Amino acid sequence: MKLNRKSLRKMILTELRNLQETREDHIQGIRNKIAALEVELAREKNFYDKQKSSHPIYSGYGSYVDDFSQFDDILGDMGSSDDRSSIIKKKIDLLKRQLTAFEQADGGDIGYGSMPRY
């Protein structure tokens, strides 16, 4: 087959049509991201609870331990876990607002600047 400009253009346009994401695909992608982040949030909460329960101050063993300095790293991890949880919650909130904007547009144009970004 001779590759000329017309056949090359046709091949490129065919491939572009195959790559384009439909509105429904995009909405389902947002839903999948929300579900994945909710699983990650639950995993993060379980990690936080395990860290907290292993710390003597929170587990009821505080009266038997005089020096809590060895547990400072656990408290540090607990703080960062809380930070990670709040970041995940913010991402979920943003995705839910974007999903609502797409669903309320009902196939129409959302409009530049009206899509939640923060």
PDB file of N, CA and C in Angstrom:
ATOM      1  N   MET A   1       0.840  -1.175   0.000  1.00  0.00           N
ATOM      2  CA  MET A   1       0.000   0.000   0.000  1.00  0.00           C
ATOM      3  C   MET A   1       0.885   1.238   0.000  1.00  0.00           C
ATOM      4  N   LYS A   2       0.540   2.104  -0.905  1.00  0.00           N
ATOM      5  CA  LYS A   2       1.283   3.354  -0.999  1.00  0.00           C
ATOM      6  C   LYS A   2       0.733   4.324   0.038  1.00  0.00           C
ATOM      7  N   LEU A   3       1.607   4.902   0.828  1.00  0.00           N
ATOM      8  CA  LEU A   3       1.208   5.833   1.875  1.00  0.00           C
ATOM      9  C   LEU A   3       1.248   7.252   1.324  1.00  0.00           C
ATOM     10  N   ASN A   4       0.078   7.775   1.099  1.00  0.00           N
ATOM     11  CA  ASN A   4       0.000   9.153   0.626  1.00  0.00           C
ATOM     12  C   ASN A   4      -0.653  10.016   1.696  1.00  0.00           C
ATOM     13  N   ARG A   5      -0.762  11.269   1.403  1.00  0.00           N
ATOM     14  CA  ARG A   5      -1.284  12.226   2.382  1.00  0.00           C
ATOM     15  C   ARG A   5      -2.727  11.900   2.784  1.00  0.00           C
ATOM     16  N   LYS A   6      -3.546  11.531   1.836  1.00  0.00           N
ATOM     17  CA  LYS A   6      -4.958  11.249   2.102  1.00  0.00           C
ATOM     18  C   LYS A   6      -5.117  10.010   3.001  1.00  0.00           C
ATOM     19  N   SER A   7      -4.377   8.941   2.698  1.00  0.00           N
ATOM     20  CA  SER A   7      -4.501   7.732   3.520  1.00  0.00           C
ATOM     21  C   SER A   7      -3.905   7.948   4.912  1.00  0.00           C
ATOM     22  N   LEU A   8      -2.830   8.702   4.989  1.00  0.00           N
ATOM     23  CA  LEU A   8      -2.237   9.005   6.294  1.00  0.00           C
ATOM     24  C   LEU A   8      -3.190   9.824   7.148  1.00  0.00           C
ATOM     25  N   ARG A   9      -3.838  10.805   6.541  1.00  0.00           N
ATOM     26  CA  ARG A   9      -4.819  11.629   7.257  1.00  0.00           C
ATOM     27  C   ARG A   9      -5.981  10.774   7.757  1.00  0.00           C
ATOM     28  N   LYS A  10      -6.450   9.869   6.912  1.00  0.00           N
ATOM     29  CA  LYS A  10      -7.552   8.986   7.297  1.00  0.00           C
ATOM     30  C   LYS A  10      -7.151   8.087   8.473  1.00  0.00           C
ATOM     31  N   MET A  11      -5.924   7.550   8.438  1.00  0.00           N
ATOM     32  CA  MET A  11      -5.446   6.699   9.528  1.00  0.00           C
ATOM     33  C   MET A  11      -5.340   7.478  10.839  1.00  0.00           C
ATOM     34  N   ILE A  12      -4.837   8.699  10.768  1.00  0.00           N
ATOM     35  CA  ILE A  12      -4.689   9.525  11.969  1.00  0.00           C
ATOM     36  C   ILE A  12      -6.047   9.873  12.551  1.00  0.00           C
ATOM     37  N   LEU A  13      -6.995  10.264  11.717  1.00  0.00           N
ATOM     38  CA  LEU A  13      -8.334  10.611  12.212  1.00  0.00           C
ATOM     39  C   LEU A  13      -9.034   9.404  12.822  1.00  0.00           C
ATOM     40  N   THR A  14      -8.842   8.243  12.233  1.00  0.00           N
ATOM     41  CA  THR A  14      -9.436   7.016  12.785  1.00  0.00           C
ATOM     42  C   THR A  14      -8.871   6.731  14.171  1.00  0.00           C
ATOM     43  N   GLU A  15      -7.563   6.855  14.313  1.00  0.00           N
ATOM     44  CA  GLU A  15      -6.933   6.615  15.612  1.00  0.00           C
ATOM     45  C   GLU A  15      -7.358   7.654  16.649  1.00  0.00           C
ATOM     46  N   LEU A  16      -7.502   8.892  16.234  1.00  0.00           N
ATOM     47  CA  LEU A  16      -7.949   9.935  17.168  1.00  0.00           C
ATOM     48  C   LEU A  16      -9.358   9.660  17.664  1.00  0.00           C
ATOM     49  N   ARG A  17     -10.232   9.206  16.779  1.00  0.00           N
ATOM     50  CA  ARG A  17     -11.604   8.869  17.200  1.00  0.00           C
ATOM     51  C   ARG A  17     -11.593   7.727  18.207  1.00  0.00           C
ATOM     52  N   ASN A  18     -10.683   6.774  18.012  1.00  0.00           N
ATOM     53  CA  ASN A  18     -10.588   5.642  18.936  1.00  0.00           C
ATOM     54  C   ASN A  18     -10.060   6.062  20.306  1.00  0.00           C
ATOM     55  N   LEU A  19      -9.262   7.114  20.337  1.00  0.00           N
ATOM     56  CA  LEU A  19      -8.658   7.556  21.593  1.00  0.00           C
ATOM     57  C   LEU A  19      -9.538   8.510  22.389  1.00  0.00           C
ATOM     58  N   GLN A  20     -10.489   9.135  21.754  1.00  0.00           N
ATOM     59  CA  GLN A  20     -11.292  10.142  22.438  1.00  0.00           C
ATOM     60  C   GLN A  20     -12.185   9.510  23.499  1.00  0.00           C
ATOM     61  N   GLU A  21     -12.250  10.196  24.599  1.00  0.00           N
ATOM     62  CA  GLU A  21     -13.040   9.738  25.737  1.00  0.00           C
ATOM     63  C   GLU A  21     -14.427  10.374  25.658  1.00  0.00           C
ATOM     64  N   THR A  22     -15.447   9.572  25.824  1.00  0.00           N
ATOM     65  CA  THR A  22     -16.803  10.120  25.822  1.00  0.00           C
ATOM     66  C   THR A  22     -17.096  10.756  27.182  1.00  0.00           C
ATOM     67  N   ARG A  23     -18.147  11.516  27.222  1.00  0.00           N
ATOM     68  CA  ARG A  23     -18.570  12.153  28.476  1.00  0.00           C
ATOM     69  C   ARG A  23     -18.875  11.096  29.533  1.00  0.00           C
ATOM     70  N   GLU A  24     -19.535  10.021  29.133  1.00  0.00           N
ATOM     71  CA  GLU A  24     -19.872   8.941  30.072  1.00  0.00           C
ATOM     72  C   GLU A  24     -18.610   8.255  30.587  1.00  0.00           C
ATOM     73  N   ASP A  25     -17.627   8.080  29.704  1.00  0.00           N
ATOM     74  CA  ASP A  25     -16.353   7.494  30.139  1.00  0.00           C
ATOM     75  C   ASP A  25     -15.686   8.382  31.187  1.00  0.00           C
ATOM     76  N   HIS A  26     -15.745   9.687  30.957  1.00  0.00           N
ATOM     77  CA  HIS A  26     -15.124  10.629  31.895  1.00  0.00           C
ATOM     78  C   HIS A  26     -15.842  10.603  33.248  1.00  0.00           C
ATOM     79  N   ILE A  27     -17.162  10.594  33.212  1.00  0.00           N
ATOM     80  CA  ILE A  27     -17.937  10.550  34.461  1.00  0.00           C
ATOM     81  C   ILE A  27     -17.653   9.253  35.213  1.00  0.00           C
ATOM     82  N   GLN A  28     -17.590   8.131  34.483  1.00  0.00           N
ATOM     83  CA  GLN A  28     -17.284   6.858  35.138  1.00  0.00           C
ATOM     84  C   GLN A  28     -15.867   6.867  35.693  1.00  0.00           C
ATOM     85  N   GLY A  29     -14.952   7.525  35.011  1.00  0.00           N
ATOM     86  CA  GLY A  29     -13.582   7.645  35.512  1.00  0.00           C
ATOM     87  C   GLY A  29     -13.528   8.418  36.822  1.00  0.00           C
ATOM     88  N   ILE A  30     -14.318   9.484  36.922  1.00  0.00           N
ATOM     89  CA  ILE A  30     -14.381  10.250  38.171  1.00  0.00           C
ATOM     90  C   ILE A  30     -14.941   9.380  39.289  1.00  0.00           C
ATOM     91  N   ARG A  31     -16.000   8.629  38.986  1.00  0.00           N
ATOM     92  CA  ARG A  31     -16.583   7.729  40.003  1.00  0.00           C
ATOM     93  C   ARG A  31     -15.561   6.688  40.465  1.00  0.00           C
ATOM     94  N   ASN A  32     -14.794   6.148  39.516  1.00  0.00           N
ATOM     95  CA  ASN A  32     -13.764   5.161  39.877  1.00  0.00           C
ATOM     96  C   ASN A  32     -12.688   5.779  40.763  1.00  0.00           C
ATOM     97  N   LYS A  33     -12.296   7.016  40.468  1.00  0.00           N
ATOM     98  CA  LYS A  33     -11.299   7.701  41.293  1.00  0.00           C
ATOM     99  C   LYS A  33     -11.825   7.930  42.704  1.00  0.00           C
ATOM    100  N   ILE A  34     -13.092   8.331  42.819  1.00  0.00           N
ATOM    101  CA  ILE A  34     -13.692   8.547  44.139  1.00  0.00           C
ATOM    102  C   ILE A  34     -13.692   7.243  44.929  1.00  0.00           C
ATOM    103  N   ALA A  35     -14.095   6.155  44.281  1.00  0.00           N
ATOM    104  CA  ALA A  35     -14.124   4.852  44.962  1.00  0.00           C
ATOM    105  C   ALA A  35     -12.727   4.437  45.422  1.00  0.00           C
ATOM    106  N   ALA A  36     -11.736   4.635  44.570  1.00  0.00           N
ATOM    107  CA  ALA A  36     -10.362   4.268  44.934  1.00  0.00           C
ATOM    108  C   ALA A  36      -9.855   5.121  46.099  1.00  0.00           C
ATOM    109  N   LEU A  37     -10.182   6.410  46.095  1.00  0.00           N
ATOM    110  CA  LEU A  37      -9.743   7.283  47.186  1.00  0.00           C
ATOM    111  C   LEU A  37     -10.459   6.947  48.488  1.00  0.00           C
ATOM    112  N   GLU A  38     -11.720   6.530  48.410  1.00  0.00           N
ATOM    113  CA  GLU A  38     -12.431   6.136  49.629  1.00  0.00           C
ATOM    114  C   GLU A  38     -11.813   4.872  50.230  1.00  0.00           C
ATOM    115  N   VAL A  39     -11.380   3.952  49.382  1.00  0.00           N
ATOM    116  CA  VAL A  39     -10.678   2.755  49.872  1.00  0.00           C
ATOM    117  C   VAL A  39      -9.364   3.169  50.534  1.00  0.00           C
ATOM    118  N   GLU A  40      -8.653   4.084  49.897  1.00  0.00           N
ATOM    119  CA  GLU A  40      -7.381   4.558  50.461  1.00  0.00           C
ATOM    120  C   GLU A  40      -7.604   5.287  51.783  1.00  0.00           C
ATOM    121  N   LEU A  41      -8.692   6.050  51.882  1.00  0.00           N
ATOM    122  CA  LEU A  41      -9.013   6.756  53.124  1.00  0.00           C
ATOM    123  C   LEU A  41      -9.302   5.761  54.247  1.00  0.00           C
ATOM    124  N   ALA A  42     -10.036   4.698  53.937  1.00  0.00           N
ATOM    125  CA  ALA A  42     -10.317   3.665  54.947  1.00  0.00           C
ATOM    126  C   ALA A  42      -9.025   2.970  55.377  1.00  0.00           C
ATOM    127  N   ARG A  43      -8.134   2.707  54.414  1.00  0.00           N
ATOM    128  CA  ARG A  43      -6.852   2.084  54.736  1.00  0.00           C
ATOM    129  C   ARG A  43      -6.013   2.998  55.626  1.00  0.00           C
ATOM    130  N   GLU A  44      -6.038   4.278  55.333  1.00  0.00           N
ATOM    131  CA  GLU A  44      -5.297   5.259  56.123  1.00  0.00           C
ATOM    132  C   GLU A  44      -5.862   5.344  57.541  1.00  0.00           C
ATOM    133  N   LYS A  45      -7.189   5.285  57.671  1.00  0.00           N
ATOM    134  CA  LYS A  45      -7.827   5.336  58.989  1.00  0.00           C
ATOM    135  C   LYS A  45      -7.461   4.096  59.808  1.00  0.00           C
ATOM    136  N   ASN A  46      -7.450   2.932  59.159  1.00  0.00           N
ATOM    137  CA  ASN A  46      -7.055   1.704  59.860  1.00  0.00           C
ATOM    138  C   ASN A  46      -5.611   1.786  60.346  1.00  0.00           C
ATOM    139  N   PHE A  47      -4.738   2.333  59.490  1.00  0.00           N
ATOM    140  CA  PHE A  47      -3.340   2.508  59.886  1.00  0.00           C
ATOM    141  C   PHE A  47      -3.236   3.445  61.086  1.00  0.00           C
ATOM    142  N   TYR A  48      -3.966   4.542  61.026  1.00  0.00           N
ATOM    143  CA  TYR A  48      -3.962   5.528  62.117  1.00  0.00           C
ATOM    144  C   TYR A  48      -4.455   4.888  63.415  1.00  0.00           C
ATOM    145  N   ASP A  49      -5.536   4.118  63.328  1.00  0.00           N
ATOM    146  CA  ASP A  49      -6.079   3.466  64.527  1.00  0.00           C
ATOM    147  C   ASP A  49      -5.091   2.457  65.117  1.00  0.00           C
ATOM    148  N   LYS A  50      -4.397   1.720  64.251  1.00  0.00           N
ATOM    149  CA  LYS A  50      -3.401   0.756  64.748  1.00  0.00           C
ATOM    150  C   LYS A  50      -2.248   1.475  65.431  1.00  0.00           C
ATOM    151  N   GLN A  51      -1.791   2.573  64.827  1.00  0.00           N
ATOM    152  CA  GLN A  51      -0.703   3.341  65.436  1.00  0.00           C
ATOM    153  C   GLN A  51      -1.134   3.903  66.785  1.00  0.00           C
ATOM    154  N   LYS A  52      -2.343   4.418  66.830  1.00  0.00           N
ATOM    155  CA  LYS A  52      -2.829   5.025  68.073  1.00  0.00           C
ATOM    156  C   LYS A  52      -2.994   3.965  69.162  1.00  0.00           C
ATOM    157  N   SER A  53      -3.525   2.811  68.804  1.00  0.00           N
ATOM    158  CA  SER A  53      -3.752   1.774  69.814  1.00  0.00           C
ATOM    159  C   SER A  53      -2.447   1.169  70.317  1.00  0.00           C
ATOM    160  N   SER A  54      -1.363   1.282  69.529  1.00  0.00           N
ATOM    161  CA  SER A  54      -0.090   0.731  69.992  1.00  0.00           C
ATOM    162  C   SER A  54       0.664   1.703  70.897  1.00  0.00           C
ATOM    163  N   HIS A  55       0.212   2.934  70.971  1.00  0.00           N
ATOM    164  CA  HIS A  55       0.879   3.938  71.811  1.00  0.00           C
ATOM    165  C   HIS A  55       0.385   3.796  73.250  1.00  0.00           C
ATOM    166  N   PRO A  56       1.288   3.745  74.205  1.00  0.00           N
ATOM    167  CA  PRO A  56       0.879   3.510  75.600  1.00  0.00           C
ATOM    168  C   PRO A  56      -0.025   4.594  76.178  1.00  0.00           C
ATOM    169  N   ILE A  57       0.092   5.810  75.709  1.00  0.00           N
ATOM    170  CA  ILE A  57      -0.771   6.873  76.237  1.00  0.00           C
ATOM    171  C   ILE A  57      -2.231   6.583  75.903  1.00  0.00           C
ATOM    172  N   TYR A  58      -2.469   6.069  74.681  1.00  0.00           N
ATOM    173  CA  TYR A  58      -3.839   5.852  74.212  1.00  0.00           C
ATOM    174  C   TYR A  58      -4.344   4.446  74.464  1.00  0.00           C
ATOM    175  N   SER A  59      -3.439   3.508  74.749  1.00  0.00           N
ATOM    176  CA  SER A  59      -3.870   2.126  74.903  1.00  0.00           C
ATOM    177  C   SER A  59      -4.119   1.731  76.350  1.00  0.00           C
ATOM    178  N   GLY A  60      -3.917   2.628  77.285  1.00  0.00           N
ATOM    179  CA  GLY A  60      -4.193   2.309  78.677  1.00  0.00           C
ATOM    180  C   GLY A  60      -2.987   1.822  79.452  1.00  0.00           C
ATOM    181  N   TYR A  61      -1.824   1.756  78.811  1.00  0.00           N
ATOM    182  CA  TYR A  61      -0.623   1.287  79.492  1.00  0.00           C
ATOM    183  C   TYR A  61       0.239   2.440  79.965  1.00  0.00           C
ATOM    184  N   GLY A  62      -0.277   3.643  79.951  1.00  0.00           N
ATOM    185  CA  GLY A  62       0.497   4.834  80.300  1.00  0.00           C
ATOM    186  C   GLY A  62       1.021   4.813  81.719  1.00  0.00           C
ATOM    187  N   SER A  63       0.310   4.174  82.607  1.00  0.00           N
ATOM    188  CA  SER A  63       0.755   4.172  83.996  1.00  0.00           C
ATOM    189  C   SER A  63       1.972   3.268  84.197  1.00  0.00           C
ATOM    190  N   TYR A  64       2.259   2.371  83.247  1.00  0.00           N
ATOM    191  CA  TYR A  64       3.385   1.456  83.401  1.00  0.00           C
ATOM    192  C   TYR A  64       4.652   1.961  82.728  1.00  0.00           C
ATOM    193  N   VAL A  65       4.532   3.013  81.924  1.00  0.00           N
ATOM    194  CA  VAL A  65       5.691   3.521  81.183  1.00  0.00           C
ATOM    195  C   VAL A  65       6.009   4.913  81.692  1.00  0.00           C
ATOM    196  N   ASP A  66       7.263   5.091  82.104  1.00  0.00           N
ATOM    197  CA  ASP A  66       7.677   6.406  82.607  1.00  0.00           C
ATOM    198  C   ASP A  66       8.246   7.296  81.508  1.00  0.00           C
ATOM    199  N   ASP A  67       8.929   6.688  80.536  1.00  0.00           N
ATOM    200  CA  ASP A  67       9.592   7.467  79.484  1.00  0.00           C
ATOM    201  C   ASP A  67       8.896   7.224  78.149  1.00  0.00           C
ATOM    202  N   PHE A  68       8.204   8.245  77.652  1.00  0.00           N
ATOM    203  CA  PHE A  68       7.462   8.118  76.405  1.00  0.00           C
ATOM    204  C   PHE A  68       8.272   8.568  75.195  1.00  0.00           C
ATOM    205  N   SER A  69       9.530   8.940  75.374  1.00  0.00           N
ATOM    206  CA  SER A  69      10.326   9.458  74.261  1.00  0.00           C
ATOM    207  C   SER A  69      10.523   8.421  73.154  1.00  0.00           C
ATOM    208  N   GLN A  70      10.512   7.144  73.513  1.00  0.00           N
ATOM    209  CA  GLN A  70      10.685   6.111  72.490  1.00  0.00           C
ATOM    210  C   GLN A  70       9.470   6.011  71.573  1.00  0.00           C
ATOM    211  N   PHE A  71       8.363   6.601  71.985  1.00  0.00           N
ATOM    212  CA  PHE A  71       7.147   6.532  71.186  1.00  0.00           C
ATOM    213  C   PHE A  71       6.887   7.805  70.389  1.00  0.00           C
ATOM    214  N   ASP A  72       7.852   8.736  70.398  1.00  0.00           N
ATOM    215  CA  ASP A  72       7.678   9.982  69.665  1.00  0.00           C
ATOM    216  C   ASP A  72       7.511   9.753  68.167  1.00  0.00           C
ATOM    217  N   ASP A  73       8.205   8.744  67.631  1.00  0.00           N
ATOM    218  CA  ASP A  73       8.069   8.470  66.206  1.00  0.00           C
ATOM    219  C   ASP A  73       6.665   8.008  65.865  1.00  0.00           C
ATOM    220  N   ILE A  74       6.032   7.296  66.764  1.00  0.00           N
ATOM    221  CA  ILE A  74       4.655   6.857  66.530  1.00  0.00           C
ATOM    222  C   ILE A  74       3.728   8.063  66.509  1.00  0.00           C
ATOM    223  N   LEU A  75       3.918   8.971  67.445  1.00  0.00           N
ATOM    224  CA  LEU A  75       3.087  10.179  67.455  1.00  0.00           C
ATOM    225  C   LEU A  75       3.316  11.000  66.196  1.00  0.00           C
ATOM    226  N   GLY A  76       4.555  11.041  65.738  1.00  0.00           N
ATOM    227  CA  GLY A  76       4.853  11.759  64.498  1.00  0.00           C
ATOM    228  C   GLY A  76       4.151  11.131  63.314  1.00  0.00           C
ATOM    229  N   ASP A  77       4.136   9.810  63.253  1.00  0.00           N
ATOM    230  CA  ASP A  77       3.428   9.113  62.177  1.00  0.00           C
ATOM    231  C   ASP A  77       1.935   9.368  62.257  1.00  0.00           C
ATOM    232  N   MET A  78       1.416   9.457  63.469  1.00  0.00           N
ATOM    233  CA  MET A  78      -0.017   9.702  63.622  1.00  0.00           C
ATOM    234  C   MET A  78      -0.379  11.066  63.056  1.00  0.00           C
ATOM    235  N   GLY A  79       0.450  12.045  63.298  1.00  0.00           N
ATOM    236  CA  GLY A  79       0.173  13.374  62.763  1.00  0.00           C
ATOM    237  C   GLY A  79       0.210  13.388  61.255  1.00  0.00           C
ATOM    238  N   SER A  80       1.207  12.725  60.668  1.00  0.00           N
ATOM    239  CA  SER A  80       1.298  12.710  59.221  1.00  0.00           C
ATOM    240  C   SER A  80       0.173  11.889  58.610  1.00  0.00           C
ATOM    241  N   SER A  81      -0.284  10.863  59.306  1.00  0.00           N
ATOM    242  CA  SER A  81      -1.416  10.078  58.830  1.00  0.00           C
ATOM    243  C   SER A  81      -2.674  10.932  58.788  1.00  0.00           C
ATOM    244  N   ASP A  82      -2.833  11.767  59.807  1.00  0.00           N
ATOM    245  CA  ASP A  82      -3.979  12.669  59.835  1.00  0.00           C
ATOM    246  C   ASP A  82      -3.907  13.665  58.681  1.00  0.00           C
ATOM    247  N   ASP A  83      -2.703  14.153  58.392  1.00  0.00           N
ATOM    248  CA  ASP A  83      -2.516  15.063  57.264  1.00  0.00           C
ATOM    249  C   ASP A  83      -2.865  14.383  55.954  1.00  0.00           C
ATOM    250  N   ARG A  84      -2.412  13.132  55.785  1.00  0.00           N
ATOM    251  CA  ARG A  84      -2.717  12.395  54.558  1.00  0.00           C
ATOM    252  C   ARG A  84      -4.214  12.182  54.425  1.00  0.00           C
ATOM    253  N   SER A  85      -4.882  11.896  55.526  1.00  0.00           N
ATOM    254  CA  SER A  85      -6.331  11.700  55.486  1.00  0.00           C
ATOM    255  C   SER A  85      -7.050  12.972  55.052  1.00  0.00           C
ATOM    256  N   SER A  86      -6.610  14.106  55.551  1.00  0.00           N
ATOM    257  CA  SER A  86      -7.282  15.352  55.167  1.00  0.00           C
ATOM    258  C   SER A  86      -7.042  15.672  53.696  1.00  0.00           C
ATOM    259  N   ILE A  87      -5.866  15.341  53.170  1.00  0.00           N
ATOM    260  CA  ILE A  87      -5.592  15.554  51.745  1.00  0.00           C
ATOM    261  C   ILE A  87      -6.494  14.659  50.899  1.00  0.00           C
ATOM    262  N   ILE A  88      -6.643  13.408  51.298  1.00  0.00           N
ATOM    263  CA  ILE A  88      -7.512  12.483  50.565  1.00  0.00           C
ATOM    264  C   ILE A  88      -8.954  12.970  50.614  1.00  0.00           C
ATOM    265  N   LYS A  89      -9.403  13.451  51.772  1.00  0.00           N
ATOM    266  CA  LYS A  89     -10.773  13.964  51.891  1.00  0.00           C
ATOM    267  C   LYS A  89     -10.994  15.168  50.981  1.00  0.00           C
ATOM    268  N   LYS A  90      -9.994  16.038  50.876  1.00  0.00           N
ATOM    269  CA  LYS A  90     -10.113  17.202  49.988  1.00  0.00           C
ATOM    270  C   LYS A  90     -10.210  16.768  48.528  1.00  0.00           C
ATOM    271  N   LYS A  91      -9.433  15.758  48.143  1.00  0.00           N
ATOM    272  CA  LYS A  91      -9.495  15.255  46.769  1.00  0.00           C
ATOM    273  C   LYS A  91     -10.853  14.637  46.480  1.00  0.00           C
ATOM    274  N   ILE A  92     -11.385  13.869  47.424  1.00  0.00           N
ATOM    275  CA  ILE A  92     -12.697  13.262  47.248  1.00  0.00           C
ATOM    276  C   ILE A  92     -13.761  14.348  47.104  1.00  0.00           C
ATOM    277  N   ASP A  93     -13.679  15.370  47.949  1.00  0.00           N
ATOM    278  CA  ASP A  93     -14.642  16.469  47.892  1.00  0.00           C
ATOM    279  C   ASP A  93     -14.594  17.169  46.531  1.00  0.00           C
ATOM    280  N   LEU A  94     -13.399  17.443  46.032  1.00  0.00           N
ATOM    281  CA  LEU A  94     -13.248  18.096  44.733  1.00  0.00           C
ATOM    282  C   LEU A  94     -13.830  17.230  43.620  1.00  0.00           C
ATOM    283  N   LEU A  95     -13.524  15.943  43.631  1.00  0.00           N
ATOM    284  CA  LEU A  95     -14.042  15.048  42.601  1.00  0.00           C
ATOM    285  C   LEU A  95     -15.564  14.948  42.661  1.00  0.00           C
ATOM    286  N   LYS A  96     -16.129  14.946  43.858  1.00  0.00           N
ATOM    287  CA  LYS A  96     -17.590  14.903  43.981  1.00  0.00           C
ATOM    288  C   LYS A  96     -18.225  16.174  43.435  1.00  0.00           C
ATOM    289  N   ARG A  97     -17.597  17.329  43.681  1.00  0.00           N
ATOM    290  CA  ARG A  97     -18.131  18.576  43.134  1.00  0.00           C
ATOM    291  C   ARG A  97     -18.030  18.586  41.610  1.00  0.00           C
ATOM    292  N   GLN A  98     -16.919  18.063  41.065  1.00  0.00           N
ATOM    293  CA  GLN A  98     -16.777  17.987  39.614  1.00  0.00           C
ATOM    294  C   GLN A  98     -17.793  17.023  39.014  1.00  0.00           C
ATOM    295  N   LEU A  99     -18.010  15.907  39.667  1.00  0.00           N
ATOM    296  CA  LEU A  99     -18.998  14.938  39.202  1.00  0.00           C
ATOM    297  C   LEU A  99     -20.387  15.560  39.180  1.00  0.00           C
ATOM    298  N   THR A 100     -20.714  16.305  40.223  1.00  0.00           N
ATOM    299  CA  THR A 100     -22.015  16.982  40.282  1.00  0.00           C
ATOM    300  C   THR A 100     -22.147  17.986  39.137  1.00  0.00           C
ATOM    301  N   ALA A 101     -21.084  18.724  38.857  1.00  0.00           N
ATOM    302  CA  ALA A 101     -21.123  19.698  37.757  1.00  0.00           C
ATOM    303  C   ALA A 101     -21.361  19.002  36.423  1.00  0.00           C
ATOM    304  N   PHE A 102     -20.704  17.872  36.194  1.00  0.00           N
ATOM    305  CA  PHE A 102     -20.908  17.128  34.955  1.00  0.00           C
ATOM    306  C   PHE A 102     -22.338  16.592  34.864  1.00  0.00           C
ATOM    307  N   GLU A 103     -22.838  16.052  35.963  1.00  0.00           N
ATOM    308  CA  GLU A 103     -24.177  15.464  35.946  1.00  0.00           C
ATOM    309  C   GLU A 103     -25.263  16.530  35.805  1.00  0.00           C
ATOM    310  N   GLN A 104     -25.065  17.681  36.405  1.00  0.00           N
ATOM    311  CA  GLN A 104     -26.059  18.756  36.295  1.00  0.00           C
ATOM    312  C   GLN A 104     -26.075  19.370  34.903  1.00  0.00           C
ATOM    313  N   ALA A 105     -24.950  19.324  34.198  1.00  0.00           N
ATOM    314  CA  ALA A 105     -24.902  19.867  32.841  1.00  0.00           C
ATOM    315  C   ALA A 105     -25.721  18.998  31.889  1.00  0.00           C
ATOM    316  N   ASP A 106     -25.933  17.746  32.224  1.00  0.00           N
ATOM    317  CA  ASP A 106     -26.789  16.823  31.482  1.00  0.00           C
ATOM    318  C   ASP A 106     -26.474  16.813  29.985  1.00  0.00           C
ATOM    319  N   GLY A 107     -25.216  16.622  29.668  1.00  0.00           N
ATOM    320  CA  GLY A 107     -24.810  16.530  28.274  1.00  0.00           C
ATOM    321  C   GLY A 107     -24.466  17.859  27.640  1.00  0.00           C
ATOM    322  N   GLY A 108     -24.797  18.944  28.292  1.00  0.00           N
ATOM    323  CA  GLY A 108     -24.483  20.266  27.754  1.00  0.00           C
ATOM    324  C   GLY A 108     -23.083  20.708  28.135  1.00  0.00           C
ATOM    325  N   ASP A 109     -22.745  21.896  27.703  1.00  0.00           N
ATOM    326  CA  ASP A 109     -21.430  22.445  27.993  1.00  0.00           C
ATOM    327  C   ASP A 109     -21.403  22.954  29.429  1.00  0.00           C
ATOM    328  N   ILE A 110     -20.356  22.608  30.145  1.00  0.00           N
ATOM    329  CA  ILE A 110     -20.212  23.055  31.527  1.00  0.00           C
ATOM    330  C   ILE A 110     -19.811  24.519  31.559  1.00  0.00           C
ATOM    331  N   GLY A 111     -19.039  24.923  30.601  1.00  0.00           N
ATOM    332  CA  GLY A 111     -18.630  26.317  30.537  1.00  0.00           C
ATOM    333  C   GLY A 111     -17.279  26.534  31.171  1.00  0.00           C
ATOM    334  N   TYR A 112     -16.496  27.361  30.531  1.00  0.00           N
ATOM    335  CA  TYR A 112     -15.156  27.649  31.031  1.00  0.00           C
ATOM    336  C   TYR A 112     -15.237  28.393  32.357  1.00  0.00           C
ATOM    337  N   GLY A 113     -14.507  27.918  33.325  1.00  0.00           N
ATOM    338  CA  GLY A 113     -14.442  28.587  34.621  1.00  0.00           C
ATOM    339  C   GLY A 113     -15.467  28.120  35.639  1.00  0.00           C
ATOM    340  N   SER A 114     -16.443  27.344  35.203  1.00  0.00           N
ATOM    341  CA  SER A 114     -17.448  26.902  36.168  1.00  0.00           C
ATOM    342  C   SER A 114     -17.151  25.500  36.725  1.00  0.00           C
ATOM    343  N   MET A 115     -16.131  24.835  36.209  1.00  0.00           N
ATOM    344  CA  MET A 115     -15.736  23.532  36.736  1.00  0.00           C
ATOM    345  C   MET A 115     -14.934  23.733  38.021  1.00  0.00           C
ATOM    346  N   PRO A 116     -15.353  23.111  39.133  1.00  0.00           N
ATOM    347  CA  PRO A 116     -14.603  23.240  40.386  1.00  0.00           C
ATOM    348  C   PRO A 116     -13.175  22.710  40.225  1.00  0.00           C
ATOM    349  N   ARG A 117     -12.209  23.499  40.655  1.00  0.00           N
ATOM    350  CA  ARG A 117     -10.807  23.107  40.521  1.00  0.00           C
ATOM    351  C   ARG A 117     -10.081  23.082  41.846  1.00  0.00           C
ATOM    352  N   TYR A 118     -10.670  23.616  42.890  1.00  0.00           N
ATOM    353  CA  TYR A 118      -9.996  23.672  44.192  1.00  0.00           C
ATOM    354  C   TYR A 118     -10.906  23.169  45.269  1.00  0.00           C
TER     355      TYR A 118
END
